[in-house]
Amino acid sequence: HDDFRIDGDVFRESFEMIAEAGATLVLDIGSPGMPSFQPEAVAKIAKRHPDMKILICHLLAPVLGDYKMLDEGLHMLALPNVWFDLAAVPWNVAPETYPYPTGQEFVKLAKRIVGAEKLVWGTDVPSPLTRDSYENLWRYLYEGNIFSDLELGQVMYKNAKDVYPL
């Protein structure tokens, strides 16, 4: 298919139906450099549908060296109806290994900009299991001195309940 704007006509009707249904929009917009990487378009969608919850996958998928991009994207998307999952953060900072120091810095930056209440833990299994254990995919957050105990409860459980209401 041809490249297109996420906030354009292609998805407009779908986003309206999601908003009307009170459902959560989950977007994997790819990585910086991909045509689908359009955080500014997601910000427009979030502002157009302020009651629709939006979860952006992979914390905007930063790789080593993407700190500035992540900072800019998080500031652009620090909106009341936008959350970020942390799935694949360890995967995206390869060849770093546990405890993924750059991944920890990315998560610290996200906490500082959008708050712990806007972060949702995830793994992106099965691919990350080809590089590390399931345990390390959550342990890096516990041992990274990123979150308080209360915030860890939010990130590991409560926020998912908030963004995906039953």
C-alpha atoms as a PDB file:
ATOM      1  CA  HIS A   1       0.000   0.000   0.000  1.00  0.00           C
ATOM      2  CA  ASP A   2       1.000   3.596  -0.374  1.00  0.00           C
ATOM      3  CA  ASP A   3       2.102   5.540   2.678  1.00  0.00           C
ATOM      4  CA  PHE A   4      -0.659   7.542   4.328  1.00  0.00           C
ATOM      5  CA  ARG A   5      -1.282   9.857   7.251  1.00  0.00           C
ATOM      6  CA  ILE A   6      -2.560   8.050  10.324  1.00  0.00           C
ATOM      7  CA  ASP A   7      -4.733  11.066  11.117  1.00  0.00           C
ATOM      8  CA  GLY A   8      -6.070  11.248   7.556  1.00  0.00           C
ATOM      9  CA  ASP A   9      -9.119   9.783   5.864  1.00  0.00           C
ATOM     10  CA  VAL A  10      -7.963   6.142   5.843  1.00  0.00           C
ATOM     11  CA  PHE A  11      -8.699   5.575   9.552  1.00  0.00           C
ATOM     12  CA  ARG A  12     -11.029   8.488  10.313  1.00  0.00           C
ATOM     13  CA  GLU A  13     -14.230   6.396  10.366  1.00  0.00           C
ATOM     14  CA  SER A  14     -12.583   3.633  12.405  1.00  0.00           C
ATOM     15  CA  PHE A  15     -11.366   6.097  15.018  1.00  0.00           C
ATOM     16  CA  GLU A  16     -14.832   7.630  15.250  1.00  0.00           C
ATOM     17  CA  MET A  17     -16.368   4.176  15.820  1.00  0.00           C
ATOM     18  CA  ILE A  18     -13.748   3.338  18.474  1.00  0.00           C
ATOM     19  CA  ALA A  19     -14.420   6.626  20.249  1.00  0.00           C
ATOM     20  CA  GLU A  20     -18.207   6.135  20.112  1.00  0.00           C
ATOM     21  CA  ALA A  21     -17.880   2.594  21.473  1.00  0.00           C
ATOM     22  CA  GLY A  22     -15.740   3.750  24.399  1.00  0.00           C
ATOM     23  CA  ALA A  23     -13.027   1.331  23.300  1.00  0.00           C
ATOM     24  CA  THR A  24      -9.263   1.797  23.529  1.00  0.00           C
ATOM     25  CA  LEU A  25      -7.244   2.523  20.404  1.00  0.00           C
ATOM     26  CA  VAL A  26      -3.926   0.663  20.402  1.00  0.00           C
ATOM     27  CA  LEU A  27      -1.361   1.924  17.910  1.00  0.00           C
ATOM     28  CA  ASP A  28       2.000   0.502  16.947  1.00  0.00           C
ATOM     29  CA  ILE A  29       3.361   3.346  14.839  1.00  0.00           C
ATOM     30  CA  GLY A  30       6.673   1.661  14.185  1.00  0.00           C
ATOM     31  CA  SER A  31      10.098   3.116  14.792  1.00  0.00           C
ATOM     32  CA  PRO A  32      11.698   6.457  13.987  1.00  0.00           C
ATOM     33  CA  GLY A  33      12.522   6.609  10.298  1.00  0.00           C
ATOM     34  CA  MET A  34       9.545   4.493   9.222  1.00  0.00           C
ATOM     35  CA  PRO A  35       6.763   6.224   7.250  1.00  0.00           C
ATOM     36  CA  SER A  36       4.277   5.052   9.902  1.00  0.00           C
ATOM     37  CA  PHE A  37       6.177   6.820  12.687  1.00  0.00           C
ATOM     38  CA  GLN A  38       3.835   9.793  13.092  1.00  0.00           C
ATOM     39  CA  PRO A  39       3.621  10.911  16.728  1.00  0.00           C
ATOM     40  CA  GLU A  40       2.302  14.299  15.618  1.00  0.00           C
ATOM     41  CA  ALA A  41      -0.591  12.532  13.863  1.00  0.00           C
ATOM     42  CA  VAL A  42      -1.365  10.534  17.013  1.00  0.00           C
ATOM     43  CA  ALA A  43      -1.426  13.796  18.988  1.00  0.00           C
ATOM     44  CA  LYS A  44      -3.982  15.189  16.524  1.00  0.00           C
ATOM     45  CA  ILE A  45      -6.128  12.060  16.864  1.00  0.00           C
ATOM     46  CA  ALA A  46      -5.950  12.268  20.670  1.00  0.00           C
ATOM     47  CA  LYS A  47      -7.015  15.917  20.580  1.00  0.00           C
ATOM     48  CA  ARG A  48      -9.778  15.205  18.047  1.00  0.00           C
ATOM     49  CA  HIS A  49     -11.139  12.422  20.300  1.00  0.00           C
ATOM     50  CA  PRO A  50     -10.371  13.533  23.883  1.00  0.00           C
ATOM     51  CA  ASP A  51     -12.617  10.855  25.411  1.00  0.00           C
ATOM     52  CA  MET A  52     -10.965   7.995  23.497  1.00  0.00           C
ATOM     53  CA  LYS A  53      -8.156   6.204  25.297  1.00  0.00           C
ATOM     54  CA  ILE A  54      -5.072   5.644  23.160  1.00  0.00           C
ATOM     55  CA  LEU A  55      -2.205   3.322  23.979  1.00  0.00           C
ATOM     56  CA  ILE A  56       0.999   3.668  21.982  1.00  0.00           C
ATOM     57  CA  CYS A  57       3.025   0.477  21.758  1.00  0.00           C
ATOM     58  CA  HIS A  58       6.700   0.076  22.583  1.00  0.00           C
ATOM     59  CA  LEU A  59       7.169   3.522  24.193  1.00  0.00           C
ATOM     60  CA  LEU A  60       7.561   4.923  20.653  1.00  0.00           C
ATOM     61  CA  ALA A  61      10.103   2.146  19.877  1.00  0.00           C
ATOM     62  CA  PRO A  62      13.329   4.031  20.615  1.00  0.00           C
ATOM     63  CA  VAL A  63      16.617   2.307  19.855  1.00  0.00           C
ATOM     64  CA  LEU A  64      20.095   3.207  21.025  1.00  0.00           C
ATOM     65  CA  GLY A  65      20.708   6.855  20.198  1.00  0.00           C
ATOM     66  CA  ASP A  66      17.001   7.837  20.075  1.00  0.00           C
ATOM     67  CA  TYR A  67      16.896   9.741  23.375  1.00  0.00           C
ATOM     68  CA  LYS A  68      16.153  13.117  21.732  1.00  0.00           C
ATOM     69  CA  MET A  69      13.411  11.636  19.532  1.00  0.00           C
ATOM     70  CA  LEU A  70      11.838   9.962  22.553  1.00  0.00           C
ATOM     71  CA  ASP A  71      11.964  13.181  24.558  1.00  0.00           C
ATOM     72  CA  GLU A  72      10.261  15.123  21.753  1.00  0.00           C
ATOM     73  CA  GLY A  73       7.654  12.433  21.093  1.00  0.00           C
ATOM     74  CA  LEU A  74       6.741  12.040  24.759  1.00  0.00           C
ATOM     75  CA  HIS A  75       6.337  15.797  25.198  1.00  0.00           C
ATOM     76  CA  MET A  76       4.117  15.915  22.099  1.00  0.00           C
ATOM     77  CA  LEU A  77       1.982  13.038  23.398  1.00  0.00           C
ATOM     78  CA  ALA A  78       1.776  13.955  27.076  1.00  0.00           C
ATOM     79  CA  LEU A  79      -1.997  14.169  26.807  1.00  0.00           C
ATOM     80  CA  PRO A  80      -4.733  13.096  29.244  1.00  0.00           C
ATOM     81  CA  ASN A  81      -5.995  10.283  27.000  1.00  0.00           C
ATOM     82  CA  VAL A  82      -2.640   8.789  25.897  1.00  0.00           C
ATOM     83  CA  TRP A  83      -0.760   5.880  27.521  1.00  0.00           C
ATOM     84  CA  PHE A  84       2.395   4.010  26.502  1.00  0.00           C
ATOM     85  CA  ASP A  85       3.238   0.359  26.861  1.00  0.00           C
ATOM     86  CA  LEU A  86       6.775  -0.689  27.720  1.00  0.00           C
ATOM     87  CA  ALA A  87       6.667  -3.835  25.594  1.00  0.00           C
ATOM     88  CA  ALA A  88       9.841  -4.452  23.622  1.00  0.00           C
ATOM     89  CA  VAL A  89      11.897  -1.760  25.378  1.00  0.00           C
ATOM     90  CA  PRO A  90      14.578  -4.386  26.200  1.00  0.00           C
ATOM     91  CA  TRP A  91      14.365  -5.761  22.652  1.00  0.00           C
ATOM     92  CA  ASN A  92      14.767  -2.327  21.057  1.00  0.00           C
ATOM     93  CA  VAL A  93      17.965  -1.463  22.929  1.00  0.00           C
ATOM     94  CA  ALA A  94      19.892  -4.502  21.658  1.00  0.00           C
ATOM     95  CA  PRO A  95      22.722  -5.319  21.664  1.00  0.00           C
ATOM     96  CA  GLU A  96      22.489  -4.153  25.287  1.00  0.00           C
ATOM     97  CA  THR A  97      21.716  -6.941  27.698  1.00  0.00           C
ATOM     98  CA  TYR A  98      20.034  -7.110  31.085  1.00  0.00           C
ATOM     99  CA  PRO A  99      19.576  -4.787  32.954  1.00  0.00           C
ATOM    100  CA  TYR A 100      19.247  -2.749  29.745  1.00  0.00           C
ATOM    101  CA  PRO A 101      20.698   0.544  31.027  1.00  0.00           C
ATOM    102  CA  THR A 102      19.500   2.554  28.035  1.00  0.00           C
ATOM    103  CA  GLY A 103      16.057   0.990  28.315  1.00  0.00           C
ATOM    104  CA  GLN A 104      15.979   1.999  31.979  1.00  0.00           C
ATOM    105  CA  GLU A 105      16.921   5.566  30.991  1.00  0.00           C
ATOM    106  CA  PHE A 106      14.154   5.606  28.382  1.00  0.00           C
ATOM    107  CA  VAL A 107      11.622   4.510  31.003  1.00  0.00           C
ATOM    108  CA  LYS A 108      12.930   7.097  33.501  1.00  0.00           C
ATOM    109  CA  LEU A 109      12.509   9.791  30.855  1.00  0.00           C
ATOM    110  CA  ALA A 110       8.955   8.616  30.152  1.00  0.00           C
ATOM    111  CA  LYS A 111       8.105   8.674  33.841  1.00  0.00           C
ATOM    112  CA  ARG A 112       9.470  12.196  34.133  1.00  0.00           C
ATOM    113  CA  ILE A 113       7.494  13.488  31.130  1.00  0.00           C
ATOM    114  CA  VAL A 114       4.180  11.595  31.166  1.00  0.00           C
ATOM    115  CA  GLY A 115       4.154  10.115  34.676  1.00  0.00           C
ATOM    116  CA  ALA A 116       4.107   6.560  35.978  1.00  0.00           C
ATOM    117  CA  GLU A 117       0.305   6.533  35.685  1.00  0.00           C
ATOM    118  CA  LYS A 118       0.628   6.611  31.872  1.00  0.00           C
ATOM    119  CA  LEU A 119       2.976   3.622  31.546  1.00  0.00           C
ATOM    120  CA  VAL A 120       1.843   0.017  31.092  1.00  0.00           C
ATOM    121  CA  TRP A 121       4.224  -2.909  31.408  1.00  0.00           C
ATOM    122  CA  GLY A 122       4.409  -5.413  28.595  1.00  0.00           C
ATOM    123  CA  THR A 123       6.903  -7.827  27.074  1.00  0.00           C
ATOM    124  CA  ASP A 124       6.168  -8.211  23.348  1.00  0.00           C
ATOM    125  CA  VAL A 125       6.669 -11.960  23.832  1.00  0.00           C
ATOM    126  CA  PRO A 126       7.593 -14.194  22.066  1.00  0.00           C
ATOM    127  CA  SER A 127      10.396 -12.365  20.208  1.00  0.00           C
ATOM    128  CA  PRO A 128      12.230 -11.026  23.295  1.00  0.00           C
ATOM    129  CA  LEU A 129      12.449 -14.559  24.684  1.00  0.00           C
ATOM    130  CA  THR A 130      14.965 -15.358  21.956  1.00  0.00           C
ATOM    131  CA  ARG A 131      17.389 -12.977  23.682  1.00  0.00           C
ATOM    132  CA  ASP A 132      16.593 -13.113  27.383  1.00  0.00           C
ATOM    133  CA  SER A 133      14.418 -14.634  30.087  1.00  0.00           C
ATOM    134  CA  TYR A 134      10.850 -13.611  30.869  1.00  0.00           C
ATOM    135  CA  GLU A 135      12.018 -12.741  34.371  1.00  0.00           C
ATOM    136  CA  ASN A 136      14.480 -10.143  33.097  1.00  0.00           C
ATOM    137  CA  LEU A 137      11.759  -8.506  31.016  1.00  0.00           C
ATOM    138  CA  TRP A 138      10.157  -7.273  34.236  1.00  0.00           C
ATOM    139  CA  ARG A 139      13.093  -7.358  36.637  1.00  0.00           C
ATOM    140  CA  TYR A 140      14.870  -4.464  34.871  1.00  0.00           C
ATOM    141  CA  LEU A 141      12.046  -2.187  36.018  1.00  0.00           C
ATOM    142  CA  TYR A 142      12.165  -3.394  39.626  1.00  0.00           C
ATOM    143  CA  GLU A 143      15.927  -3.169  39.922  1.00  0.00           C
ATOM    144  CA  GLY A 144      16.337   0.050  37.956  1.00  0.00           C
ATOM    145  CA  ASN A 145      15.308   2.368  40.810  1.00  0.00           C
ATOM    146  CA  ILE A 146      12.802   3.909  38.436  1.00  0.00           C
ATOM    147  CA  PHE A 147       9.555   3.558  40.354  1.00  0.00           C
ATOM    148  CA  SER A 148       8.362   3.608  43.934  1.00  0.00           C
ATOM    149  CA  ASP A 149       6.460   0.539  45.141  1.00  0.00           C
ATOM    150  CA  LEU A 150       3.175   2.351  44.522  1.00  0.00           C
ATOM    151  CA  GLU A 151       4.245   3.315  41.005  1.00  0.00           C
ATOM    152  CA  LEU A 152       5.351  -0.249  40.253  1.00  0.00           C
ATOM    153  CA  GLY A 153       1.852  -1.394  41.154  1.00  0.00           C
ATOM    154  CA  GLN A 154       0.466   1.148  38.725  1.00  0.00           C
ATOM    155  CA  VAL A 155       2.801   0.188  35.880  1.00  0.00           C
ATOM    156  CA  MET A 156       2.576  -3.561  36.376  1.00  0.00           C
ATOM    157  CA  TYR A 157      -1.209  -3.771  36.924  1.00  0.00           C
ATOM    158  CA  LYS A 158      -3.409  -0.775  37.681  1.00  0.00           C
ATOM    159  CA  ASN A 159      -2.693   1.274  34.565  1.00  0.00           C
ATOM    160  CA  ALA A 160      -3.653  -1.650  32.323  1.00  0.00           C
ATOM    161  CA  LYS A 161      -7.010  -1.811  34.114  1.00  0.00           C
ATOM    162  CA  ASP A 162      -7.441   1.927  33.551  1.00  0.00           C
ATOM    163  CA  VAL A 163      -6.633   1.860  29.852  1.00  0.00           C
ATOM    164  CA  TYR A 164      -8.458  -1.423  29.131  1.00  0.00           C
ATOM    165  CA  PRO A 165     -11.639  -1.194  31.208  1.00  0.00           C
ATOM    166  CA  LEU A 166     -13.804  -4.288  31.327  1.00  0.00           C
END
